[in-house]
Amino acid sequence: MAKTRDFPTELRHFVKVLNSFKGYWYDYDIFRDFIDYTAASFLWEGDKELAERLKDTYKDDYPRFAEMFVALVQTMNDRIVEELDWYDALGTLYEEISSRSKSSLLGQFFTPPTVCDFMAQIQQPLSECGEKRTGLTVNDPASGSGRTLLAFNKVAPGNYLVGQDLDAICTKMTAINMALHGCTGQALNGDSLRPDNFVFGYEVNSMLRLTGGIPHLLPLSKEQSISYRMWHNKLGEPMPVQSLTVPDPEPLPLQKIAKRQLEPGLQLSIF
């Protein structure tokens, strides 16, 4: 069981909900499934197969994932203010949970936020005229929870951000963080040193105008991932542009999802 005192004050409510699971589960396993649940909540049509698996596994504890989601969003809403334009709650939680988990020998340790801010500043985010540069493609080949990209988006919004990581949980945290912070780009799972090695990926917030600003994810194929396409272009084998698959036939399905997300008592229903 995670000890609430080991976490920042603003995350202790989330940890209390995590600790309230009645089954005999490792914290790491619950958090991993929560990341899957949250990533699926931003998909256009959810993930019914995942929902059924989680319901079968956790039984009466399944609604607690919705409580954790609400706790996460409320924390992000409270923390992202003028003085703090980005906040990585997921990465902070994962660092502590994975380092104490029996499922992990080494844990995860991400770049400190202050260092992320410094790294973003030295990337020359301003033009010679002092204006913020836009239209760039910015890549983090070992994105972790995506916090370096969040820091760059703070100083130079309006660019296309690409985060890639070998760890599936990290890839999904990057996608979720980018979605919640209004970033556009891709989150890719695979080996950055081997562009042909692609496991899965998401296009993040590609249709914000159509969805009325609702954050969302779209699954990517290998041929749609920007790292794979750039690799082929450098080999002199340019690939035709492949459009994203958008579910039919109803327009703006996310608007309907948003209307039924918050039930009485702030219970979230995403599937």
C-alpha atoms as a PDB file:
ATOM      1  CA  MET A   1       0.000   0.000   0.000  1.00  0.00           C
ATOM      2  CA  ALA A   2       1.316   3.418  -0.966  1.00  0.00           C
ATOM      3  CA  LYS A   3       1.914   5.791   1.939  1.00  0.00           C
ATOM      4  CA  THR A   4       0.208   9.117   1.334  1.00  0.00           C
ATOM      5  CA  ARG A   5       2.906  11.021   3.208  1.00  0.00           C
ATOM      6  CA  ASP A   6       5.437   9.978   0.545  1.00  0.00           C
ATOM      7  CA  PHE A   7       3.539  11.954  -2.111  1.00  0.00           C
ATOM      8  CA  PRO A   8       3.108  15.717  -2.648  1.00  0.00           C
ATOM      9  CA  THR A   9       0.101  17.138  -0.802  1.00  0.00           C
ATOM     10  CA  GLU A  10      -1.860  17.776  -3.998  1.00  0.00           C
ATOM     11  CA  LEU A  11      -1.673  14.075  -4.984  1.00  0.00           C
ATOM     12  CA  ARG A  12      -2.678  12.554  -1.663  1.00  0.00           C
ATOM     13  CA  HIS A  13      -6.380  12.352  -2.493  1.00  0.00           C
ATOM     14  CA  PHE A  14      -5.515  10.351  -5.610  1.00  0.00           C
ATOM     15  CA  VAL A  15      -3.351   8.019  -3.507  1.00  0.00           C
ATOM     16  CA  LYS A  16      -6.132   7.584  -0.955  1.00  0.00           C
ATOM     17  CA  VAL A  17      -8.464   6.408  -3.709  1.00  0.00           C
ATOM     18  CA  LEU A  18      -5.757   4.054  -4.987  1.00  0.00           C
ATOM     19  CA  ASN A  19      -5.361   2.651  -1.462  1.00  0.00           C
ATOM     20  CA  SER A  20      -9.113   2.115  -1.171  1.00  0.00           C
ATOM     21  CA  PHE A  21      -9.107  -0.829  -3.598  1.00  0.00           C
ATOM     22  CA  LYS A  22     -10.358  -3.795  -1.571  1.00  0.00           C
ATOM     23  CA  GLY A  23      -8.702  -6.535  -3.583  1.00  0.00           C
ATOM     24  CA  TYR A  24      -5.162  -7.751  -3.071  1.00  0.00           C
ATOM     25  CA  TRP A  25      -3.505  -5.760  -5.809  1.00  0.00           C
ATOM     26  CA  TYR A  26      -0.052  -4.247  -6.100  1.00  0.00           C
ATOM     27  CA  ASP A  27      -0.117  -0.441  -6.416  1.00  0.00           C
ATOM     28  CA  TYR A  28       1.877  -0.756  -9.626  1.00  0.00           C
ATOM     29  CA  ASP A  29      -0.746  -3.011 -11.214  1.00  0.00           C
ATOM     30  CA  ILE A  30      -3.578  -0.651 -10.291  1.00  0.00           C
ATOM     31  CA  PHE A  31      -1.689   2.353 -11.645  1.00  0.00           C
ATOM     32  CA  ARG A  32      -0.815   0.524 -14.881  1.00  0.00           C
ATOM     33  CA  ASP A  33      -4.481  -0.328 -15.421  1.00  0.00           C
ATOM     34  CA  PHE A  34      -5.476   3.233 -14.526  1.00  0.00           C
ATOM     35  CA  ILE A  35      -3.185   4.528 -17.277  1.00  0.00           C
ATOM     36  CA  ASP A  36      -4.810   2.119 -19.742  1.00  0.00           C
ATOM     37  CA  TYR A  37      -8.253   3.253 -18.544  1.00  0.00           C
ATOM     38  CA  THR A  38      -7.372   6.938 -18.884  1.00  0.00           C
ATOM     39  CA  ALA A  39      -5.801   6.605 -22.335  1.00  0.00           C
ATOM     40  CA  ALA A  40      -8.918   4.737 -23.479  1.00  0.00           C
ATOM     41  CA  SER A  41     -11.113   7.536 -22.111  1.00  0.00           C
ATOM     42  CA  PHE A  42      -9.651   9.895 -24.707  1.00  0.00           C
ATOM     43  CA  LEU A  43     -10.245   7.551 -27.629  1.00  0.00           C
ATOM     44  CA  TRP A  44     -13.184   8.431 -29.864  1.00  0.00           C
ATOM     45  CA  GLU A  45     -15.025   5.213 -29.142  1.00  0.00           C
ATOM     46  CA  GLY A  46     -13.369   4.138 -25.905  1.00  0.00           C
ATOM     47  CA  ASP A  47     -12.179   0.547 -25.543  1.00  0.00           C
ATOM     48  CA  LYS A  48     -14.993  -1.835 -24.659  1.00  0.00           C
ATOM     49  CA  GLU A  49     -12.676  -4.850 -24.529  1.00  0.00           C
ATOM     50  CA  LEU A  50     -10.484  -3.113 -21.956  1.00  0.00           C
ATOM     51  CA  ALA A  51     -13.546  -2.029 -19.967  1.00  0.00           C
ATOM     52  CA  GLU A  52     -14.824  -5.601 -19.772  1.00  0.00           C
ATOM     53  CA  ARG A  53     -11.410  -6.891 -18.736  1.00  0.00           C
ATOM     54  CA  LEU A  54     -11.103  -4.331 -15.945  1.00  0.00           C
ATOM     55  CA  LYS A  55     -14.657  -5.010 -14.747  1.00  0.00           C
ATOM     56  CA  ASP A  56     -13.989  -8.752 -14.644  1.00  0.00           C
ATOM     57  CA  THR A  57     -10.691  -8.250 -12.832  1.00  0.00           C
ATOM     58  CA  TYR A  58     -11.620  -5.612 -10.256  1.00  0.00           C
ATOM     59  CA  LYS A  59     -15.328  -6.381  -9.753  1.00  0.00           C
ATOM     60  CA  ASP A  60     -16.749  -3.898  -7.212  1.00  0.00           C
ATOM     61  CA  ASP A  61     -13.518  -1.897  -7.261  1.00  0.00           C
ATOM     62  CA  TYR A  62     -13.913  -0.972 -10.935  1.00  0.00           C
ATOM     63  CA  PRO A  63     -15.751   2.366 -10.235  1.00  0.00           C
ATOM     64  CA  ARG A  64     -12.693   3.533  -8.294  1.00  0.00           C
ATOM     65  CA  PHE A  65     -10.896   4.092 -11.606  1.00  0.00           C
ATOM     66  CA  ALA A  66     -13.443   6.820 -12.344  1.00  0.00           C
ATOM     67  CA  GLU A  67     -12.772   8.344  -8.907  1.00  0.00           C
ATOM     68  CA  MET A  68      -9.040   8.339  -9.632  1.00  0.00           C
ATOM     69  CA  PHE A  69      -9.688  10.011 -12.990  1.00  0.00           C
ATOM     70  CA  VAL A  70     -11.701  12.780 -11.353  1.00  0.00           C
ATOM     71  CA  ALA A  71      -8.984  13.218  -8.690  1.00  0.00           C
ATOM     72  CA  LEU A  72      -6.349  13.524 -11.432  1.00  0.00           C
ATOM     73  CA  VAL A  73      -8.296  16.105 -13.448  1.00  0.00           C
ATOM     74  CA  GLN A  74      -9.131  18.155 -10.355  1.00  0.00           C
ATOM     75  CA  THR A  75      -5.463  18.152  -9.316  1.00  0.00           C
ATOM     76  CA  MET A  76      -4.371  19.253 -12.785  1.00  0.00           C
ATOM     77  CA  ASN A  77      -6.995  22.004 -12.762  1.00  0.00           C
ATOM     78  CA  ASP A  78      -5.779  23.264  -9.388  1.00  0.00           C
ATOM     79  CA  ARG A  79      -2.072  23.138 -10.257  1.00  0.00           C
ATOM     80  CA  ILE A  80      -2.007  24.554 -13.775  1.00  0.00           C
ATOM     81  CA  VAL A  81      -2.214  28.279 -13.089  1.00  0.00           C
ATOM     82  CA  GLU A  82      -0.399  31.326 -14.401  1.00  0.00           C
ATOM     83  CA  GLU A  83       2.737  30.631 -12.364  1.00  0.00           C
ATOM     84  CA  LEU A  84       2.777  26.949 -13.322  1.00  0.00           C
ATOM     85  CA  ASP A  85       1.754  26.391 -16.923  1.00  0.00           C
ATOM     86  CA  TRP A  86       2.304  22.643 -16.865  1.00  0.00           C
ATOM     87  CA  TYR A  87       2.159  19.931 -14.246  1.00  0.00           C
ATOM     88  CA  ASP A  88       3.090  16.257 -14.530  1.00  0.00           C
ATOM     89  CA  ALA A  89       0.994  14.494 -11.910  1.00  0.00           C
ATOM     90  CA  LEU A  90       1.251  11.117 -13.639  1.00  0.00           C
ATOM     91  CA  GLY A  91       5.035  11.146 -13.796  1.00  0.00           C
ATOM     92  CA  THR A  92       5.321  12.088 -10.127  1.00  0.00           C
ATOM     93  CA  LEU A  93       2.963   9.278  -9.148  1.00  0.00           C
ATOM     94  CA  TYR A  94       4.720   6.748 -11.361  1.00  0.00           C
ATOM     95  CA  GLU A  95       8.166   7.578  -9.991  1.00  0.00           C
ATOM     96  CA  GLU A  96       7.090   6.844  -6.435  1.00  0.00           C
ATOM     97  CA  ILE A  97       4.873   3.842  -7.172  1.00  0.00           C
ATOM     98  CA  SER A  98       7.275   2.074  -9.543  1.00  0.00           C
ATOM     99  CA  SER A  99      10.294   2.600  -7.286  1.00  0.00           C
ATOM    100  CA  ARG A 100       8.487   0.841  -4.433  1.00  0.00           C
ATOM    101  CA  SER A 101       6.791  -1.853  -6.501  1.00  0.00           C
ATOM    102  CA  LYS A 102       7.706  -5.519  -6.221  1.00  0.00           C
ATOM    103  CA  SER A 103       7.214  -5.632  -9.978  1.00  0.00           C
ATOM    104  CA  SER A 104      10.129  -3.284 -10.574  1.00  0.00           C
ATOM    105  CA  LEU A 105      13.751  -3.642  -9.487  1.00  0.00           C
ATOM    106  CA  LEU A 106      14.965  -0.218 -10.545  1.00  0.00           C
ATOM    107  CA  GLY A 107      11.895   2.022 -10.749  1.00  0.00           C
ATOM    108  CA  GLN A 108      11.566   5.133 -12.910  1.00  0.00           C
ATOM    109  CA  PHE A 109      13.171   8.521 -12.384  1.00  0.00           C
ATOM    110  CA  PHE A 110      12.281  11.357 -14.724  1.00  0.00           C
ATOM    111  CA  THR A 111      13.988  14.679 -15.423  1.00  0.00           C
ATOM    112  CA  PRO A 112      13.181  17.208 -12.637  1.00  0.00           C
ATOM    113  CA  PRO A 113      10.691  19.903 -13.730  1.00  0.00           C
ATOM    114  CA  THR A 114      13.190  22.735 -13.255  1.00  0.00           C
ATOM    115  CA  VAL A 115      15.658  20.981 -15.557  1.00  0.00           C
ATOM    116  CA  CYS A 116      12.881  20.435 -18.119  1.00  0.00           C
ATOM    117  CA  ASP A 117      12.140  24.171 -18.066  1.00  0.00           C
ATOM    118  CA  PHE A 118      15.834  24.972 -18.514  1.00  0.00           C
ATOM    119  CA  MET A 119      16.190  22.521 -21.406  1.00  0.00           C
ATOM    120  CA  ALA A 120      13.153  24.044 -23.101  1.00  0.00           C
ATOM    121  CA  GLN A 121      14.572  27.559 -22.759  1.00  0.00           C
ATOM    122  CA  ILE A 122      17.931  26.686 -24.360  1.00  0.00           C
ATOM    123  CA  GLN A 123      16.234  25.216 -27.447  1.00  0.00           C
ATOM    124  CA  GLN A 124      15.891  28.769 -28.787  1.00  0.00           C
ATOM    125  CA  PRO A 125      12.086  28.832 -28.738  1.00  0.00           C
ATOM    126  CA  LEU A 126      12.075  32.501 -29.820  1.00  0.00           C
ATOM    127  CA  SER A 127      12.837  33.880 -33.289  1.00  0.00           C
ATOM    128  CA  GLU A 128      15.364  36.646 -33.928  1.00  0.00           C
ATOM    129  CA  CYS A 129      12.506  39.136 -33.584  1.00  0.00           C
ATOM    130  CA  GLY A 130      11.705  37.797 -30.121  1.00  0.00           C
ATOM    131  CA  GLU A 131       8.491  36.109 -31.212  1.00  0.00           C
ATOM    132  CA  LYS A 132       7.609  32.552 -30.219  1.00  0.00           C
ATOM    133  CA  ARG A 133       8.436  30.091 -32.986  1.00  0.00           C
ATOM    134  CA  THR A 134       5.590  27.963 -34.329  1.00  0.00           C
ATOM    135  CA  GLY A 135       5.247  25.273 -36.943  1.00  0.00           C
ATOM    136  CA  LEU A 136       8.226  23.293 -35.646  1.00  0.00           C
ATOM    137  CA  THR A 137       8.363  19.535 -35.158  1.00  0.00           C
ATOM    138  CA  VAL A 138       9.924  18.873 -31.751  1.00  0.00           C
ATOM    139  CA  ASN A 139      10.991  15.352 -30.782  1.00  0.00           C
ATOM    140  CA  ASP A 140      11.866  13.730 -27.461  1.00  0.00           C
ATOM    141  CA  PRO A 141      13.261  10.235 -28.246  1.00  0.00           C
ATOM    142  CA  ALA A 142      13.030   9.102 -24.618  1.00  0.00           C
ATOM    143  CA  SER A 143       9.949  10.976 -23.476  1.00  0.00           C
ATOM    144  CA  GLY A 144       9.216   9.297 -20.147  1.00  0.00           C
ATOM    145  CA  SER A 145       5.995  10.919 -18.990  1.00  0.00           C
ATOM    146  CA  GLY A 146       6.321  13.676 -21.597  1.00  0.00           C
ATOM    147  CA  ARG A 147       7.308  16.448 -19.198  1.00  0.00           C
ATOM    148  CA  THR A 148      10.117  17.864 -21.381  1.00  0.00           C
ATOM    149  CA  LEU A 149       7.623  18.323 -24.203  1.00  0.00           C
ATOM    150  CA  LEU A 150       5.186  19.966 -21.786  1.00  0.00           C
ATOM    151  CA  ALA A 151       7.927  22.400 -20.756  1.00  0.00           C
ATOM    152  CA  PHE A 152       8.667  23.227 -24.395  1.00  0.00           C
ATOM    153  CA  ASN A 153       4.974  23.760 -25.089  1.00  0.00           C
ATOM    154  CA  LYS A 154       4.929  26.255 -22.224  1.00  0.00           C
ATOM    155  CA  VAL A 155       7.602  28.502 -23.780  1.00  0.00           C
ATOM    156  CA  ALA A 156       6.720  27.861 -27.438  1.00  0.00           C
ATOM    157  CA  PRO A 157       3.108  26.756 -27.951  1.00  0.00           C
ATOM    158  CA  GLY A 158       1.802  25.996 -31.401  1.00  0.00           C
ATOM    159  CA  ASN A 159       4.367  23.369 -32.406  1.00  0.00           C
ATOM    160  CA  TYR A 160       4.016  19.686 -33.286  1.00  0.00           C
ATOM    161  CA  LEU A 161       5.379  17.566 -30.432  1.00  0.00           C
ATOM    162  CA  VAL A 162       6.555  13.961 -30.800  1.00  0.00           C
ATOM    163  CA  GLY A 163       7.392  11.783 -27.801  1.00  0.00           C
ATOM    164  CA  GLN A 164       8.714   8.244 -28.112  1.00  0.00           C
ATOM    165  CA  ASP A 165       9.567   5.698 -25.436  1.00  0.00           C
ATOM    166  CA  LEU A 166      10.222   1.970 -25.099  1.00  0.00           C
ATOM    167  CA  ASP A 167       7.997   1.732 -22.022  1.00  0.00           C
ATOM    168  CA  ALA A 168       4.298   1.330 -22.877  1.00  0.00           C
ATOM    169  CA  ILE A 169       3.152   3.066 -19.678  1.00  0.00           C
ATOM    170  CA  CYS A 170       5.435   6.017 -20.418  1.00  0.00           C
ATOM    171  CA  THR A 171       4.061   6.301 -23.954  1.00  0.00           C
ATOM    172  CA  LYS A 172       0.498   6.405 -22.649  1.00  0.00           C
ATOM    173  CA  MET A 173       1.413   8.930 -19.933  1.00  0.00           C
ATOM    174  CA  THR A 174       2.993  11.119 -22.612  1.00  0.00           C
ATOM    175  CA  ALA A 175      -0.183  10.906 -24.705  1.00  0.00           C
ATOM    176  CA  ILE A 176      -2.428  11.694 -21.718  1.00  0.00           C
ATOM    177  CA  ASN A 177      -0.259  14.591 -20.559  1.00  0.00           C
ATOM    178  CA  MET A 178      -0.127  16.078 -24.051  1.00  0.00           C
ATOM    179  CA  ALA A 179      -3.888  15.716 -24.428  1.00  0.00           C
ATOM    180  CA  LEU A 180      -4.646  17.375 -21.075  1.00  0.00           C
ATOM    181  CA  HIS A 181      -2.233  20.246 -21.773  1.00  0.00           C
ATOM    182  CA  GLY A 182      -3.716  20.992 -25.201  1.00  0.00           C
ATOM    183  CA  CYS A 183      -0.629  19.882 -27.143  1.00  0.00           C
ATOM    184  CA  THR A 184      -0.786  18.471 -30.656  1.00  0.00           C
ATOM    185  CA  GLY A 185       1.530  15.767 -31.943  1.00  0.00           C
ATOM    186  CA  GLN A 186       2.233  12.066 -31.527  1.00  0.00           C
ATOM    187  CA  ALA A 187       3.093   9.691 -28.694  1.00  0.00           C
ATOM    188  CA  LEU A 188       4.901   6.586 -29.980  1.00  0.00           C
ATOM    189  CA  ASN A 189       5.885   3.313 -28.378  1.00  0.00           C
ATOM    190  CA  GLY A 190       9.043   1.765 -29.769  1.00  0.00           C
ATOM    191  CA  ASP A 191      12.824   2.018 -30.026  1.00  0.00           C
ATOM    192  CA  SER A 192      13.892   5.488 -31.156  1.00  0.00           C
ATOM    193  CA  LEU A 193      17.176   4.071 -32.435  1.00  0.00           C
ATOM    194  CA  ARG A 194      15.326   1.619 -34.667  1.00  0.00           C
ATOM    195  CA  PRO A 195      12.613   3.536 -36.567  1.00  0.00           C
ATOM    196  CA  ASP A 196      11.216   0.291 -37.955  1.00  0.00           C
ATOM    197  CA  ASN A 197      10.502  -0.840 -34.386  1.00  0.00           C
ATOM    198  CA  PHE A 198       6.956   0.417 -33.784  1.00  0.00           C
ATOM    199  CA  VAL A 199       4.548  -1.108 -31.272  1.00  0.00           C
ATOM    200  CA  PHE A 200       1.673   1.391 -31.030  1.00  0.00           C
ATOM    201  CA  GLY A 201       1.060   5.102 -31.071  1.00  0.00           C
ATOM    202  CA  TYR A 202      -1.451   7.926 -30.751  1.00  0.00           C
ATOM    203  CA  GLU A 203      -2.155  11.090 -32.686  1.00  0.00           C
ATOM    204  CA  VAL A 204      -2.876  13.700 -30.009  1.00  0.00           C
ATOM    205  CA  ASN A 205      -5.487  16.460 -30.305  1.00  0.00           C
ATOM    206  CA  SER A 206      -5.438  16.488 -34.109  1.00  0.00           C
ATOM    207  CA  MET A 207      -9.041  17.712 -34.369  1.00  0.00           C
ATOM    208  CA  LEU A 208      -9.476  20.178 -31.534  1.00  0.00           C
ATOM    209  CA  ARG A 209     -11.466  22.557 -33.724  1.00  0.00           C
ATOM    210  CA  LEU A 210     -13.917  19.833 -34.680  1.00  0.00           C
ATOM    211  CA  THR A 211     -14.306  18.575 -31.107  1.00  0.00           C
ATOM    212  CA  GLY A 212     -14.827  21.986 -29.551  1.00  0.00           C
ATOM    213  CA  GLY A 213     -11.529  21.815 -27.670  1.00  0.00           C
ATOM    214  CA  ILE A 214     -12.161  18.374 -26.142  1.00  0.00           C
ATOM    215  CA  PRO A 215      -8.824  16.501 -25.774  1.00  0.00           C
ATOM    216  CA  HIS A 216      -8.651  13.255 -27.703  1.00  0.00           C
ATOM    217  CA  LEU A 217      -6.400  10.504 -29.040  1.00  0.00           C
ATOM    218  CA  LEU A 218      -6.492   8.580 -32.317  1.00  0.00           C
ATOM    219  CA  PRO A 219      -4.620   5.273 -32.755  1.00  0.00           C
ATOM    220  CA  LEU A 220      -1.744   5.320 -35.251  1.00  0.00           C
ATOM    221  CA  SER A 221      -0.319   2.688 -37.568  1.00  0.00           C
ATOM    222  CA  LYS A 222       3.427   2.381 -38.101  1.00  0.00           C
ATOM    223  CA  GLU A 223       3.108   4.032 -41.505  1.00  0.00           C
ATOM    224  CA  GLN A 224       1.408   7.045 -39.908  1.00  0.00           C
ATOM    225  CA  SER A 225       4.080   7.569 -37.246  1.00  0.00           C
ATOM    226  CA  ILE A 226       6.253  10.567 -37.998  1.00  0.00           C
ATOM    227  CA  SER A 227       9.523   8.882 -36.965  1.00  0.00           C
ATOM    228  CA  TYR A 228       8.945   6.011 -39.401  1.00  0.00           C
ATOM    229  CA  ARG A 229       7.994   8.410 -42.196  1.00  0.00           C
ATOM    230  CA  MET A 230      11.023  10.651 -41.635  1.00  0.00           C
ATOM    231  CA  TRP A 231      13.286   7.595 -41.653  1.00  0.00           C
ATOM    232  CA  HIS A 232      11.915   6.518 -45.027  1.00  0.00           C
ATOM    233  CA  ASN A 233      12.289  10.028 -46.412  1.00  0.00           C
ATOM    234  CA  LYS A 234      15.967  10.090 -45.415  1.00  0.00           C
ATOM    235  CA  LEU A 235      16.438   6.747 -47.150  1.00  0.00           C
ATOM    236  CA  GLY A 236      15.074   8.352 -50.291  1.00  0.00           C
ATOM    237  CA  GLU A 237      11.864   6.339 -50.068  1.00  0.00           C
ATOM    238  CA  PRO A 238       9.165   8.976 -49.499  1.00  0.00           C
ATOM    239  CA  MET A 239       5.861   7.537 -48.332  1.00  0.00           C
ATOM    240  CA  PRO A 240       2.419   8.737 -49.412  1.00  0.00           C
ATOM    241  CA  VAL A 241       0.500  10.610 -46.739  1.00  0.00           C
ATOM    242  CA  GLN A 242      -1.957   8.362 -44.911  1.00  0.00           C
ATOM    243  CA  SER A 243      -4.993  10.020 -43.416  1.00  0.00           C
ATOM    244  CA  LEU A 244      -6.118   9.223 -39.897  1.00  0.00           C
ATOM    245  CA  THR A 245      -9.061   6.906 -39.451  1.00  0.00           C
ATOM    246  CA  VAL A 246     -11.989   8.810 -37.951  1.00  0.00           C
ATOM    247  CA  PRO A 247     -14.996   6.749 -36.850  1.00  0.00           C
ATOM    248  CA  ASP A 248     -18.248   7.142 -38.794  1.00  0.00           C
ATOM    249  CA  PRO A 249     -21.015   7.979 -39.151  1.00  0.00           C
ATOM    250  CA  GLU A 250     -21.850  10.442 -36.358  1.00  0.00           C
ATOM    251  CA  PRO A 251     -20.032  13.806 -36.397  1.00  0.00           C
ATOM    252  CA  LEU A 252     -18.297  15.082 -33.267  1.00  0.00           C
ATOM    253  CA  PRO A 253     -18.709  11.900 -31.195  1.00  0.00           C
ATOM    254  CA  LEU A 254     -16.522  13.348 -28.454  1.00  0.00           C
ATOM    255  CA  GLN A 255     -19.070  16.040 -27.708  1.00  0.00           C
ATOM    256  CA  LYS A 256     -21.589  13.324 -26.918  1.00  0.00           C
ATOM    257  CA  ILE A 257     -19.028  11.481 -24.821  1.00  0.00           C
ATOM    258  CA  ALA A 258     -18.296  14.658 -22.866  1.00  0.00           C
ATOM    259  CA  LYS A 259     -21.985  15.160 -22.087  1.00  0.00           C
ATOM    260  CA  ARG A 260     -22.221  11.760 -20.426  1.00  0.00           C
ATOM    261  CA  GLN A 261     -18.855  11.766 -18.704  1.00  0.00           C
ATOM    262  CA  LEU A 262     -19.830  13.553 -15.513  1.00  0.00           C
ATOM    263  CA  GLU A 263     -22.655  11.738 -13.772  1.00  0.00           C
ATOM    264  CA  PRO A 264     -24.217  12.841 -10.449  1.00  0.00           C
ATOM    265  CA  GLY A 265     -21.582  12.866  -7.724  1.00  0.00           C
ATOM    266  CA  LEU A 266     -18.792  13.456 -10.278  1.00  0.00           C
ATOM    267  CA  GLN A 267     -18.746   9.802 -11.267  1.00  0.00           C
ATOM    268  CA  LEU A 268     -17.099   9.408 -14.648  1.00  0.00           C
ATOM    269  CA  SER A 269     -18.504   7.073 -17.276  1.00  0.00           C
ATOM    270  CA  ILE A 270     -16.191   6.790 -20.270  1.00  0.00           C
ATOM    271  CA  PHE A 271     -17.226   3.490 -21.867  1.00  0.00           C
END
